[in-house]
């Protein structure tokens, strides 16, 4: 699912919101997650998962084409760990709409 598909899905599920408002909401959420990670903070969305930043030390790597040694600088990379509810939904293939109907 792309960002535009997510916006379209949310807009159709919430007809009381304008499409432009849904787009602003989604963009704001993504920006806030990005800014928090850039500050080194952890972002946890209950039932969905947690975003953190992992630090990778500098190391010596290899160029796969030539086999030559290459210095790889230290860096920070975003990391996502899925929450239990998300893992269960993915493994059972249950959609949120199906769960609401049975509940």
C-alpha atoms as a PDB file:
ATOM      1  CA  UNK A   1       0.000   0.000   0.000  1.00  0.00           C
ATOM      2  CA  UNK A   2       1.359   3.393  -0.958  1.00  0.00           C
ATOM      3  CA  UNK A   3       0.849   6.637   0.925  1.00  0.00           C
ATOM      4  CA  UNK A   4      -1.737   7.810  -1.635  1.00  0.00           C
ATOM      5  CA  UNK A   5      -3.611   4.497  -1.337  1.00  0.00           C
ATOM      6  CA  UNK A   6      -3.627   4.870   2.458  1.00  0.00           C
ATOM      7  CA  UNK A   7      -5.029   8.389   2.149  1.00  0.00           C
ATOM      8  CA  UNK A   8      -7.725   7.224  -0.295  1.00  0.00           C
ATOM      9  CA  UNK A   9      -8.679   4.314   1.998  1.00  0.00           C
ATOM     10  CA  UNK A  10      -8.933   6.562   5.059  1.00  0.00           C
ATOM     11  CA  UNK A  11     -10.903   9.193   3.138  1.00  0.00           C
ATOM     12  CA  UNK A  12     -13.440   6.595   1.960  1.00  0.00           C
ATOM     13  CA  UNK A  13     -13.739   5.138   5.485  1.00  0.00           C
ATOM     14  CA  UNK A  14     -14.302   8.634   6.932  1.00  0.00           C
ATOM     15  CA  UNK A  15     -16.658  10.479   4.554  1.00  0.00           C
ATOM     16  CA  UNK A  16     -17.129  13.296   7.088  1.00  0.00           C
ATOM     17  CA  UNK A  17     -13.489  14.357   6.461  1.00  0.00           C
ATOM     18  CA  UNK A  18     -12.323  16.119   3.327  1.00  0.00           C
ATOM     19  CA  UNK A  19      -9.661  14.284   1.295  1.00  0.00           C
ATOM     20  CA  UNK A  20      -7.266  17.184   1.759  1.00  0.00           C
ATOM     21  CA  UNK A  21      -7.727  16.999   5.554  1.00  0.00           C
ATOM     22  CA  UNK A  22      -6.961  13.261   5.541  1.00  0.00           C
ATOM     23  CA  UNK A  23      -3.824  13.941   3.494  1.00  0.00           C
ATOM     24  CA  UNK A  24      -2.717  16.574   6.026  1.00  0.00           C
ATOM     25  CA  UNK A  25      -3.349  14.211   8.944  1.00  0.00           C
ATOM     26  CA  UNK A  26      -1.340  11.363   7.387  1.00  0.00           C
ATOM     27  CA  UNK A  27       1.532  13.699   6.436  1.00  0.00           C
ATOM     28  CA  UNK A  28       1.598  15.171   9.955  1.00  0.00           C
ATOM     29  CA  UNK A  29       1.746  11.749  11.593  1.00  0.00           C
ATOM     30  CA  UNK A  30       4.617  10.643   9.347  1.00  0.00           C
ATOM     31  CA  UNK A  31       6.476  13.925   9.943  1.00  0.00           C
ATOM     32  CA  UNK A  32       6.146  13.635  13.721  1.00  0.00           C
ATOM     33  CA  UNK A  33       7.428  10.049  13.683  1.00  0.00           C
ATOM     34  CA  UNK A  34      10.354  11.164  11.510  1.00  0.00           C
ATOM     35  CA  UNK A  35      11.182  14.155  13.741  1.00  0.00           C
ATOM     36  CA  UNK A  36      11.041  12.018  16.894  1.00  0.00           C
ATOM     37  CA  UNK A  37      13.400   9.436  15.376  1.00  0.00           C
ATOM     38  CA  UNK A  38      15.748  12.214  14.231  1.00  0.00           C
ATOM     39  CA  UNK A  39      15.909  13.377  17.875  1.00  0.00           C
ATOM     40  CA  UNK A  40      16.763   9.807  18.897  1.00  0.00           C
ATOM     41  CA  UNK A  41      13.415   9.194  20.578  1.00  0.00           C
ATOM     42  CA  UNK A  42      11.354   6.006  20.487  1.00  0.00           C
ATOM     43  CA  UNK A  43       7.862   6.073  18.966  1.00  0.00           C
ATOM     44  CA  UNK A  44       5.415   3.437  20.185  1.00  0.00           C
ATOM     45  CA  UNK A  45       1.983   2.887  18.679  1.00  0.00           C
ATOM     46  CA  UNK A  46       0.136   0.408  20.905  1.00  0.00           C
ATOM     47  CA  UNK A  47      -1.111  -2.606  18.993  1.00  0.00           C
ATOM     48  CA  UNK A  48       0.947  -1.654  15.946  1.00  0.00           C
ATOM     49  CA  UNK A  49       4.607  -1.522  16.926  1.00  0.00           C
ATOM     50  CA  UNK A  50       7.559   0.613  17.908  1.00  0.00           C
ATOM     51  CA  UNK A  51       9.977   2.680  15.867  1.00  0.00           C
ATOM     52  CA  UNK A  52      13.489   3.146  17.244  1.00  0.00           C
ATOM     53  CA  UNK A  53      16.888   4.233  16.004  1.00  0.00           C
ATOM     54  CA  UNK A  54      19.742   1.742  16.027  1.00  0.00           C
ATOM     55  CA  UNK A  55      23.349   2.849  15.843  1.00  0.00           C
ATOM     56  CA  UNK A  56      25.714   0.875  13.652  1.00  0.00           C
ATOM     57  CA  UNK A  57      29.441   1.120  14.390  1.00  0.00           C
ATOM     58  CA  UNK A  58      32.012   1.827  11.702  1.00  0.00           C
ATOM     59  CA  UNK A  59      33.330  -1.319  10.056  1.00  0.00           C
ATOM     60  CA  UNK A  60      35.284  -2.650   7.134  1.00  0.00           C
ATOM     61  CA  UNK A  61      33.092  -3.992   4.354  1.00  0.00           C
ATOM     62  CA  UNK A  62      33.788  -5.533   0.970  1.00  0.00           C
ATOM     63  CA  UNK A  63      32.866  -4.376  -2.479  1.00  0.00           C
ATOM     64  CA  UNK A  64      30.950  -7.388  -3.854  1.00  0.00           C
ATOM     65  CA  UNK A  65      32.084  -6.748  -7.427  1.00  0.00           C
ATOM     66  CA  UNK A  66      35.832  -6.285  -6.838  1.00  0.00           C
ATOM     67  CA  UNK A  67      36.295  -7.856  -3.412  1.00  0.00           C
ATOM     68  CA  UNK A  68      38.220  -4.772  -2.279  1.00  0.00           C
ATOM     69  CA  UNK A  69      37.976  -3.640   1.343  1.00  0.00           C
ATOM     70  CA  UNK A  70      35.842  -0.542   1.886  1.00  0.00           C
ATOM     71  CA  UNK A  71      35.539   1.586   5.030  1.00  0.00           C
ATOM     72  CA  UNK A  72      31.893   1.913   6.093  1.00  0.00           C
ATOM     73  CA  UNK A  73      31.204   4.876   8.383  1.00  0.00           C
ATOM     74  CA  UNK A  74      29.101   4.608  11.523  1.00  0.00           C
ATOM     75  CA  UNK A  75      25.475   5.446  10.988  1.00  0.00           C
ATOM     76  CA  UNK A  76      22.044   5.480  12.556  1.00  0.00           C
ATOM     77  CA  UNK A  77      19.239   3.496  10.951  1.00  0.00           C
ATOM     78  CA  UNK A  78      15.502   3.432  11.679  1.00  0.00           C
ATOM     79  CA  UNK A  79      14.195   0.147  13.057  1.00  0.00           C
ATOM     80  CA  UNK A  80      10.615  -1.100  13.410  1.00  0.00           C
ATOM     81  CA  UNK A  81       9.478  -3.857  15.726  1.00  0.00           C
ATOM     82  CA  UNK A  82       5.929  -5.056  15.144  1.00  0.00           C
ATOM     83  CA  UNK A  83       3.595  -5.226  18.125  1.00  0.00           C
ATOM     84  CA  UNK A  84       1.827  -8.391  19.216  1.00  0.00           C
ATOM     85  CA  UNK A  85      -1.580  -7.374  17.830  1.00  0.00           C
ATOM     86  CA  UNK A  86      -0.077  -6.616  14.406  1.00  0.00           C
ATOM     87  CA  UNK A  87       1.783  -9.941  14.336  1.00  0.00           C
ATOM     88  CA  UNK A  88      -1.402 -11.831  15.235  1.00  0.00           C
ATOM     89  CA  UNK A  89      -3.416 -10.053  12.531  1.00  0.00           C
ATOM     90  CA  UNK A  90      -0.754 -10.693   9.899  1.00  0.00           C
ATOM     91  CA  UNK A  91      -0.477 -14.363  10.824  1.00  0.00           C
ATOM     92  CA  UNK A  92      -4.242 -14.985  10.904  1.00  0.00           C
ATOM     93  CA  UNK A  93      -4.965 -12.830   7.858  1.00  0.00           C
ATOM     94  CA  UNK A  94      -7.814 -11.087   9.673  1.00  0.00           C
ATOM     95  CA  UNK A  95      -8.779  -7.650   8.426  1.00  0.00           C
ATOM     96  CA  UNK A  96      -9.893  -4.949  10.877  1.00  0.00           C
ATOM     97  CA  UNK A  97     -13.314  -4.778   9.165  1.00  0.00           C
ATOM     98  CA  UNK A  98     -13.830  -8.526   9.645  1.00  0.00           C
ATOM     99  CA  UNK A  99     -12.870  -8.256  13.303  1.00  0.00           C
ATOM    100  CA  UNK A 100     -15.335  -5.392  13.887  1.00  0.00           C
ATOM    101  CA  UNK A 101     -18.179  -7.443  12.378  1.00  0.00           C
ATOM    102  CA  UNK A 102     -17.469 -10.430  14.632  1.00  0.00           C
ATOM    103  CA  UNK A 103     -17.001  -8.360  17.787  1.00  0.00           C
END
